[in-house]
Amino acid sequence: MLTKIFGDARMTYRGVARQRAISECCLNTDLMPRWRGPQVMDDDSKAMGWVCHSCGREFLPADVENRRLIRAE
């Protein structure tokens, strides 16, 4: 019914915005833990990864200390 009103949908592609460098984004912010499940959410040492909510990059636990990035690629 919507195609009768609006016509067929056109497939379009948008360019992906260029991500900022890690040194400009992730080094200066607290990273958020990514958990295996709700039973381990109280212990940061059990996080399976860390996420920067500014850019969406994910980091391994070995790269993070006290919710801050300690080494970058």
N, C-alpha and C. Protein backbone atom coordinates (compact mmCIF):
# COMPACT_ATOMS: atom_id res chain seq x y z
N MET A 1 0.83 -1.18 0.00
CA MET A 1 0.00 0.00 0.00
C MET A 1 0.88 1.26 0.00
N LEU A 2 1.95 1.27 0.76
CA LEU A 2 2.82 2.44 0.79
C LEU A 2 3.51 2.67 -0.54
N THR A 3 3.80 1.59 -1.27
CA THR A 3 4.42 1.79 -2.57
C THR A 3 3.47 2.46 -3.56
N LYS A 4 2.19 2.26 -3.38
CA LYS A 4 1.22 2.95 -4.24
C LYS A 4 1.19 4.45 -3.93
N ILE A 5 1.40 4.80 -2.66
CA ILE A 5 1.37 6.20 -2.26
C ILE A 5 2.69 6.90 -2.58
N PHE A 6 3.80 6.27 -2.18
CA PHE A 6 5.11 6.92 -2.28
C PHE A 6 5.95 6.44 -3.47
N GLY A 7 5.56 5.35 -4.09
CA GLY A 7 6.36 4.80 -5.18
C GLY A 7 7.37 3.81 -4.64
N ASP A 8 8.14 3.20 -5.54
CA ASP A 8 9.15 2.22 -5.14
C ASP A 8 10.30 2.89 -4.42
N ALA A 9 10.85 2.17 -3.47
CA ALA A 9 12.01 2.69 -2.73
C ALA A 9 13.24 2.63 -3.64
N ARG A 10 14.04 3.65 -3.58
CA ARG A 10 15.28 3.69 -4.37
C ARG A 10 16.44 3.29 -3.48
N MET A 11 17.28 2.44 -4.01
CA MET A 11 18.46 2.04 -3.28
C MET A 11 19.51 3.13 -3.43
N THR A 12 19.96 3.67 -2.33
CA THR A 12 20.99 4.71 -2.36
C THR A 12 22.11 4.31 -1.41
N TYR A 13 23.26 4.85 -1.68
CA TYR A 13 24.41 4.60 -0.83
C TYR A 13 24.90 5.93 -0.29
N ARG A 14 25.18 5.93 1.01
CA ARG A 14 25.74 7.12 1.63
C ARG A 14 27.20 6.86 1.94
N GLY A 15 27.99 7.87 1.80
CA GLY A 15 29.39 7.73 2.16
C GLY A 15 29.53 7.61 3.67
N VAL A 16 30.48 6.83 4.09
CA VAL A 16 30.72 6.65 5.52
C VAL A 16 31.60 7.80 6.00
N ALA A 17 31.20 8.41 7.08
CA ALA A 17 31.99 9.50 7.64
C ALA A 17 33.33 8.97 8.13
N ARG A 18 34.36 9.73 7.91
CA ARG A 18 35.69 9.30 8.32
C ARG A 18 35.80 9.39 9.85
N GLN A 19 36.27 8.31 10.46
CA GLN A 19 36.42 8.29 11.91
C GLN A 19 37.61 9.13 12.34
N ARG A 20 37.45 9.73 13.51
CA ARG A 20 38.57 10.46 14.09
C ARG A 20 39.66 9.49 14.51
N ALA A 21 40.87 9.98 14.62
CA ALA A 21 41.98 9.14 15.06
C ALA A 21 41.76 8.73 16.52
N ILE A 22 42.31 7.59 16.87
CA ILE A 22 42.17 7.08 18.24
C ILE A 22 42.73 8.10 19.24
N SER A 23 43.82 8.74 18.88
CA SER A 23 44.44 9.71 19.80
C SER A 23 43.55 10.93 20.03
N GLU A 24 42.67 11.24 19.10
CA GLU A 24 41.76 12.39 19.24
C GLU A 24 40.48 12.02 19.97
N CYS A 25 40.15 10.76 20.01
CA CYS A 25 38.85 10.36 20.52
C CYS A 25 38.95 9.46 21.76
N CYS A 26 39.46 8.28 21.58
CA CYS A 26 39.39 7.23 22.59
C CYS A 26 40.35 7.42 23.76
N LEU A 27 41.48 8.06 23.53
CA LEU A 27 42.45 8.23 24.60
C LEU A 27 41.96 9.20 25.67
N ASN A 28 41.05 10.08 25.33
CA ASN A 28 40.61 11.14 26.24
C ASN A 28 39.28 10.86 26.92
N THR A 29 38.70 9.70 26.72
CA THR A 29 37.39 9.42 27.30
C THR A 29 37.41 8.11 28.09
N ASP A 30 36.48 7.99 29.02
CA ASP A 30 36.29 6.73 29.73
C ASP A 30 35.61 5.76 28.79
N LEU A 31 36.13 4.55 28.72
CA LEU A 31 35.52 3.51 27.89
C LEU A 31 34.50 2.74 28.71
N MET A 32 33.51 2.21 28.05
CA MET A 32 32.46 1.47 28.73
C MET A 32 32.68 -0.03 28.53
N PRO A 33 32.52 -0.81 29.60
CA PRO A 33 32.75 -2.25 29.48
C PRO A 33 31.66 -2.95 28.69
N ARG A 34 32.04 -4.02 28.03
CA ARG A 34 31.10 -4.90 27.34
C ARG A 34 31.13 -6.22 28.09
N TRP A 35 29.97 -6.63 28.59
CA TRP A 35 29.89 -7.76 29.52
C TRP A 35 29.46 -9.04 28.83
N ARG A 36 29.81 -10.15 29.47
CA ARG A 36 29.35 -11.47 29.02
C ARG A 36 27.91 -11.73 29.46
N GLY A 37 27.51 -11.13 30.56
CA GLY A 37 26.16 -11.33 31.06
C GLY A 37 25.94 -10.51 32.32
N PRO A 38 24.72 -10.46 32.81
CA PRO A 38 24.41 -9.62 33.98
C PRO A 38 25.06 -10.08 35.27
N GLN A 39 25.44 -11.34 35.37
CA GLN A 39 26.02 -11.85 36.61
C GLN A 39 27.43 -11.35 36.87
N VAL A 40 28.12 -10.79 35.88
CA VAL A 40 29.49 -10.31 36.07
C VAL A 40 29.61 -8.79 35.90
N MET A 41 28.51 -8.09 35.88
CA MET A 41 28.53 -6.65 35.58
C MET A 41 29.13 -5.79 36.69
N ASP A 42 29.40 -6.34 37.84
CA ASP A 42 29.95 -5.53 38.94
C ASP A 42 31.47 -5.54 38.97
N ASP A 43 32.12 -6.32 38.12
CA ASP A 43 33.57 -6.46 38.15
C ASP A 43 34.16 -6.12 36.78
N ASP A 44 34.87 -4.99 36.70
CA ASP A 44 35.45 -4.57 35.42
C ASP A 44 36.48 -5.56 34.88
N SER A 45 37.10 -6.34 35.74
CA SER A 45 38.10 -7.30 35.28
C SER A 45 37.48 -8.44 34.48
N LYS A 46 36.17 -8.60 34.58
CA LYS A 46 35.48 -9.66 33.83
C LYS A 46 34.85 -9.15 32.54
N ALA A 47 35.13 -7.92 32.17
CA ALA A 47 34.59 -7.39 30.92
C ALA A 47 35.25 -8.10 29.74
N MET A 48 34.48 -8.42 28.71
CA MET A 48 35.04 -9.11 27.55
C MET A 48 35.58 -8.15 26.52
N GLY A 49 35.35 -6.87 26.71
CA GLY A 49 35.86 -5.85 25.81
C GLY A 49 35.45 -4.47 26.31
N TRP A 50 35.95 -3.45 25.64
CA TRP A 50 35.66 -2.07 26.02
C TRP A 50 35.25 -1.28 24.79
N VAL A 51 34.29 -0.39 24.94
CA VAL A 51 33.73 0.35 23.81
C VAL A 51 33.86 1.85 24.06
N CYS A 52 34.28 2.57 23.04
CA CYS A 52 34.26 4.03 23.07
C CYS A 52 32.93 4.47 22.49
N HIS A 53 32.12 5.14 23.28
CA HIS A 53 30.80 5.52 22.82
C HIS A 53 30.83 6.75 21.92
N SER A 54 31.96 7.41 21.81
CA SER A 54 32.06 8.55 20.89
C SER A 54 32.17 8.09 19.45
N CYS A 55 32.95 7.02 19.22
CA CYS A 55 33.17 6.58 17.84
C CYS A 55 32.74 5.14 17.57
N GLY A 56 32.50 4.35 18.62
CA GLY A 56 32.04 2.98 18.44
C GLY A 56 33.14 1.93 18.33
N ARG A 57 34.38 2.34 18.46
CA ARG A 57 35.48 1.37 18.39
C ARG A 57 35.46 0.47 19.62
N GLU A 58 35.89 -0.77 19.42
CA GLU A 58 35.98 -1.72 20.53
C GLU A 58 37.44 -2.10 20.76
N PHE A 59 37.78 -2.32 22.04
CA PHE A 59 39.14 -2.65 22.42
C PHE A 59 39.16 -3.89 23.28
N LEU A 60 40.28 -4.59 23.25
CA LEU A 60 40.47 -5.78 24.07
C LEU A 60 40.76 -5.38 25.52
N PRO A 61 40.48 -6.26 26.48
CA PRO A 61 40.77 -5.94 27.88
C PRO A 61 42.24 -5.63 28.13
N ALA A 62 43.15 -6.22 27.36
CA ALA A 62 44.58 -5.96 27.55
C ALA A 62 44.97 -4.53 27.17
N ASP A 63 44.13 -3.85 26.40
CA ASP A 63 44.42 -2.48 25.96
C ASP A 63 43.89 -1.41 26.92
N VAL A 64 43.15 -1.83 27.96
CA VAL A 64 42.45 -0.88 28.83
C VAL A 64 42.84 -1.09 30.28
N GLU A 65 43.02 0.01 30.99
CA GLU A 65 43.28 -0.04 32.43
C GLU A 65 42.52 1.11 33.09
N ASN A 66 41.75 0.80 34.12
CA ASN A 66 40.92 1.79 34.82
C ASN A 66 40.01 2.56 33.87
N ARG A 67 39.41 1.82 32.95
CA ARG A 67 38.48 2.38 31.96
C ARG A 67 39.10 3.37 30.98
N ARG A 68 40.42 3.38 30.91
CA ARG A 68 41.14 4.25 29.97
C ARG A 68 42.01 3.41 29.06
N LEU A 69 42.16 3.84 27.83
CA LEU A 69 43.00 3.15 26.86
C LEU A 69 44.46 3.36 27.20
N ILE A 70 45.22 2.29 27.33
CA ILE A 70 46.64 2.42 27.67
C ILE A 70 47.55 2.16 26.50
N ARG A 71 47.05 1.49 25.48
CA ARG A 71 47.84 1.32 24.26
C ARG A 71 46.91 1.26 23.07
N ALA A 72 47.35 1.85 22.00
CA ALA A 72 46.54 1.90 20.78
C ALA A 72 47.32 1.26 19.65
N GLU A 73 46.60 0.90 18.61
CA GLU A 73 47.22 0.27 17.44
C GLU A 73 48.16 1.19 16.72
